[in-house]
Structure formats: structure tokens, C-alpha cells
Amino acid sequence: MPATTEHQLRRRLLQAALLLPFAALAAPPQRQQVEVWKSPYCGCCKDWITHLENEGFAVIAHEVDDLDAARKRLGMPARYASCHTARVGGYLLEGHVPAREIRRLLAEKPKAIGLAVPGMPVGSPGMDGPAYGGRRDPYDVLLVQADGRARIYLSYR
């Protein structure tokens, strides 16, 4: 191999080695995946999924005919029921949980089943479109603990 070609090869390898750490910075971040179990007929569930996608989550939706059975199989207590159940990072989400609280849950990693917004409060993500005329009802995001009890994680007023 001629000296100039060997020199060029070494220079290219050195440049690549120096730039490699910066390549990871340029790569797009991995989107956190959320799996959602919902009725095929629920429009507000689709709106909540859109909220999550707009907030950077990757969503996989499973349409089921028996949401109660799916919720039970996943392990969310029925008393916190809403119109959809989701799973993210080893936690369950019930109802219209805001993306902000999902990110907080994933960062804090409490020992818990997950988060729940029981019912379908107007003003929560997915229940906040123009059809509701700007109405915002107060609601709580609950941290559902491993024993099935819950405490308020954050109140929206």
C-alpha cells in the first residue's frame, strides 16, 4: 500500500473515531411506546392517542370488544375505570392521563400499578376539543398503588 493511501486511510479512521460520539447526539431520541386497549367506537380515545403522539410518544392501539376483560387481565382495578387502558414502561394508565404526568411517572419510577383518571372528565386530554365548548371540569390524576389503593398524584383545577 503506498504511503499516501495508508496515510489517508489512517486520517479517515481518526476522523470517524472523533466524530462517532457526536453521531449519537444527532440521532433522533427513541420514542417511548404506549400500548392502548380501547373500543373501536370511542372517539375520545382516538383524541387521547393523538395527544400522546403530539407529545412524542409512539402509540400502538388494540381495539377490543370487552374493555373490562382487558383491564382486568392487565391488572388495573375496576374502580378506576375509564374508556381505555394503556401500558407504558411497566405501568398501567387508565383514562385520560395527561402526557406530563406520564413523563413524571416514568422519571420518578414509584412502586405502583400506574396512573388513573377515572371517568371521562371534560377538559382532560382527549376530552378537551371544540365539541366541549372550552369547558374544563376539575379532576384528579391518581397514583394507583400496588395494593390497589390510590392517592392524588396531581389535581387539575
Protein backbone atom coordinates (compact mmCIF):
# COMPACT_ATOMS: atom_id res chain seq x y z
CA MET A 1 0.00 0.00 0.00
CA PRO A 2 1.53 3.36 -0.94
CA ALA A 3 2.31 5.74 1.96
CA THR A 4 -0.17 8.40 0.83
CA THR A 5 -3.05 5.92 0.70
CA GLU A 6 -2.14 4.48 4.10
CA HIS A 7 -1.89 8.00 5.50
CA GLN A 8 -5.31 8.91 4.05
CA LEU A 9 -6.86 5.76 5.49
CA ARG A 10 -5.45 6.47 8.96
CA ARG A 11 -6.70 10.07 8.78
CA ARG A 12 -10.20 8.92 7.79
CA LEU A 13 -10.28 6.36 10.61
CA LEU A 14 -9.16 9.01 13.10
CA GLN A 15 -11.82 11.44 11.83
CA ALA A 16 -14.50 8.75 12.13
CA ALA A 17 -13.38 7.88 15.66
CA LEU A 18 -13.51 11.53 16.68
CA LEU A 19 -16.96 12.09 15.14
CA LEU A 20 -18.58 8.88 16.40
CA PRO A 21 -19.61 10.28 19.83
CA PHE A 22 -21.33 13.19 18.09
CA ALA A 23 -23.31 10.86 15.81
CA ALA A 24 -25.29 9.64 18.83
CA LEU A 25 -26.24 13.24 19.61
CA ALA A 26 -27.58 13.73 16.10
CA ALA A 27 -29.71 10.56 16.18
CA PRO A 28 -33.37 11.17 16.99
CA PRO A 29 -34.35 10.12 20.52
CA GLN A 30 -36.19 6.84 20.94
CA ARG A 31 -39.91 7.49 21.38
CA GLN A 32 -41.46 5.87 24.47
CA GLN A 33 -44.00 3.27 23.36
CA VAL A 34 -47.52 3.24 24.79
CA GLU A 35 -49.93 0.36 24.16
CA VAL A 36 -53.61 1.28 24.38
CA TRP A 37 -56.63 -1.03 24.69
CA LYS A 38 -59.82 0.72 23.58
CA SER A 39 -63.21 0.29 22.00
CA PRO A 40 -63.22 0.62 18.21
CA TYR A 41 -66.09 3.10 18.53
CA CYS A 42 -64.63 5.61 21.02
CA GLY A 43 -63.68 8.97 19.54
CA CYS A 44 -62.22 10.47 22.72
CA CYS A 45 -59.77 7.56 22.95
CA LYS A 46 -58.51 8.47 19.49
CA ASP A 47 -58.16 12.09 20.66
CA TRP A 48 -56.15 10.97 23.71
CA ILE A 49 -53.89 8.90 21.45
CA THR A 50 -53.36 11.99 19.28
CA HIS A 51 -52.45 13.93 22.46
CA LEU A 52 -49.81 11.31 23.30
CA GLU A 53 -48.41 11.26 19.76
CA ASN A 54 -48.23 15.07 19.72
CA GLU A 55 -46.30 14.84 22.99
CA GLY A 56 -43.71 12.49 21.45
CA PHE A 57 -45.00 9.05 22.44
CA ALA A 58 -45.28 6.17 19.95
CA VAL A 59 -48.72 4.57 20.33
CA ILE A 60 -49.96 1.12 19.41
CA ALA A 61 -53.75 0.79 19.72
CA HIS A 62 -55.54 -2.51 20.30
CA GLU A 63 -59.25 -2.39 19.61
CA VAL A 64 -61.16 -4.74 21.90
CA ASP A 65 -64.82 -5.59 22.32
CA ASP A 66 -64.53 -6.24 26.07
CA LEU A 67 -62.51 -3.46 27.68
CA ASP A 68 -63.42 -4.64 31.20
CA ALA A 69 -61.78 -8.01 30.49
CA ALA A 70 -58.68 -6.32 29.04
CA ARG A 71 -58.43 -4.00 32.07
CA LYS A 72 -58.74 -6.96 34.44
CA ARG A 73 -56.16 -9.01 32.50
CA LEU A 74 -53.71 -6.09 32.61
CA GLY A 75 -54.25 -5.58 36.35
CA MET A 76 -55.93 -2.19 36.72
CA PRO A 77 -58.61 -2.25 39.46
CA ALA A 78 -62.10 -1.75 38.00
CA ARG A 79 -62.96 1.06 40.44
CA TYR A 80 -60.66 3.39 38.44
CA ALA A 81 -62.27 2.53 35.10
CA SER A 82 -62.49 4.86 32.16
CA CYS A 83 -62.84 4.35 28.42
CA HIS A 84 -59.36 2.98 27.71
CA THR A 85 -56.45 1.27 29.46
CA ALA A 86 -52.81 1.64 28.44
CA ARG A 87 -49.40 0.28 29.35
CA VAL A 88 -46.11 2.19 29.28
CA GLY A 89 -42.74 1.40 30.82
CA GLY A 90 -44.16 -1.32 33.07
CA TYR A 91 -47.01 0.90 34.35
CA LEU A 92 -50.71 0.99 33.54
CA LEU A 93 -52.64 4.11 32.58
CA GLU A 94 -56.39 4.30 32.95
CA GLY A 95 -58.33 7.01 31.19
CA HIS A 96 -57.33 10.47 30.04
CA VAL A 97 -53.98 10.80 31.82
CA PRO A 98 -52.01 13.86 30.64
CA ALA A 99 -48.65 13.20 28.96
CA ARG A 100 -46.96 15.44 31.54
CA GLU A 101 -47.90 13.06 34.36
CA ILE A 102 -46.88 10.01 32.30
CA ARG A 103 -43.41 11.50 31.86
CA ARG A 104 -43.26 12.29 35.59
CA LEU A 105 -44.28 8.71 36.44
CA LEU A 106 -41.59 7.29 34.16
CA ALA A 107 -38.96 9.61 35.66
CA GLU A 108 -39.87 9.03 39.32
CA LYS A 109 -40.49 5.27 38.97
CA PRO A 110 -42.67 4.81 42.07
CA LYS A 111 -43.73 1.35 43.22
CA ALA A 112 -47.23 1.45 41.78
CA ILE A 113 -49.62 -0.07 39.29
CA GLY A 114 -49.81 3.22 37.43
CA LEU A 115 -51.95 6.31 36.95
CA ALA A 116 -55.70 6.72 36.54
CA VAL A 117 -58.14 9.46 35.64
CA PRO A 118 -61.43 7.69 36.45
CA GLY A 119 -64.46 8.50 34.36
CA MET A 120 -64.11 10.89 31.47
CA PRO A 121 -63.64 14.42 32.88
CA VAL A 122 -64.24 17.22 30.42
CA GLY A 123 -61.07 19.22 29.94
CA SER A 124 -58.69 16.27 30.30
CA PRO A 125 -56.60 15.34 27.22
CA GLY A 126 -58.90 13.82 24.62
CA MET A 127 -61.95 15.37 26.30
CA ASP A 128 -60.90 18.93 25.52
CA GLY A 129 -61.77 19.56 21.89
CA PRO A 130 -64.09 22.18 20.40
CA ALA A 131 -67.10 19.93 20.97
CA TYR A 132 -66.82 20.73 24.70
CA GLY A 133 -67.02 24.49 24.21
CA GLY A 134 -63.92 25.26 26.28
CA ARG A 135 -65.43 23.67 29.39
CA ARG A 136 -62.91 22.35 31.92
CA ASP A 137 -64.07 20.31 34.89
CA PRO A 138 -61.71 19.74 37.81
CA TYR A 139 -60.21 16.26 38.02
CA ASP A 140 -57.50 14.31 39.79
CA VAL A 141 -54.77 12.11 38.37
CA LEU A 142 -54.48 9.21 40.80
CA LEU A 143 -51.40 7.15 41.56
CA VAL A 144 -52.75 3.61 41.86
CA GLN A 145 -50.54 1.83 44.35
CA ALA A 146 -49.54 -1.82 44.33
CA ASP A 147 -52.20 -2.68 46.95
CA GLY A 148 -54.95 -1.17 44.75
CA ARG A 149 -55.43 1.95 46.86
CA ALA A 150 -54.81 5.34 45.28
CA ARG A 151 -53.61 8.76 46.24
CA ILE A 152 -53.77 12.03 44.34
CA TYR A 153 -50.74 12.43 42.08
CA LEU A 154 -51.84 15.82 40.73
CA SER A 155 -55.07 17.80 40.78
CA TYR A 156 -56.24 19.82 37.80
CA ARG A 157 -58.46 22.70 38.84
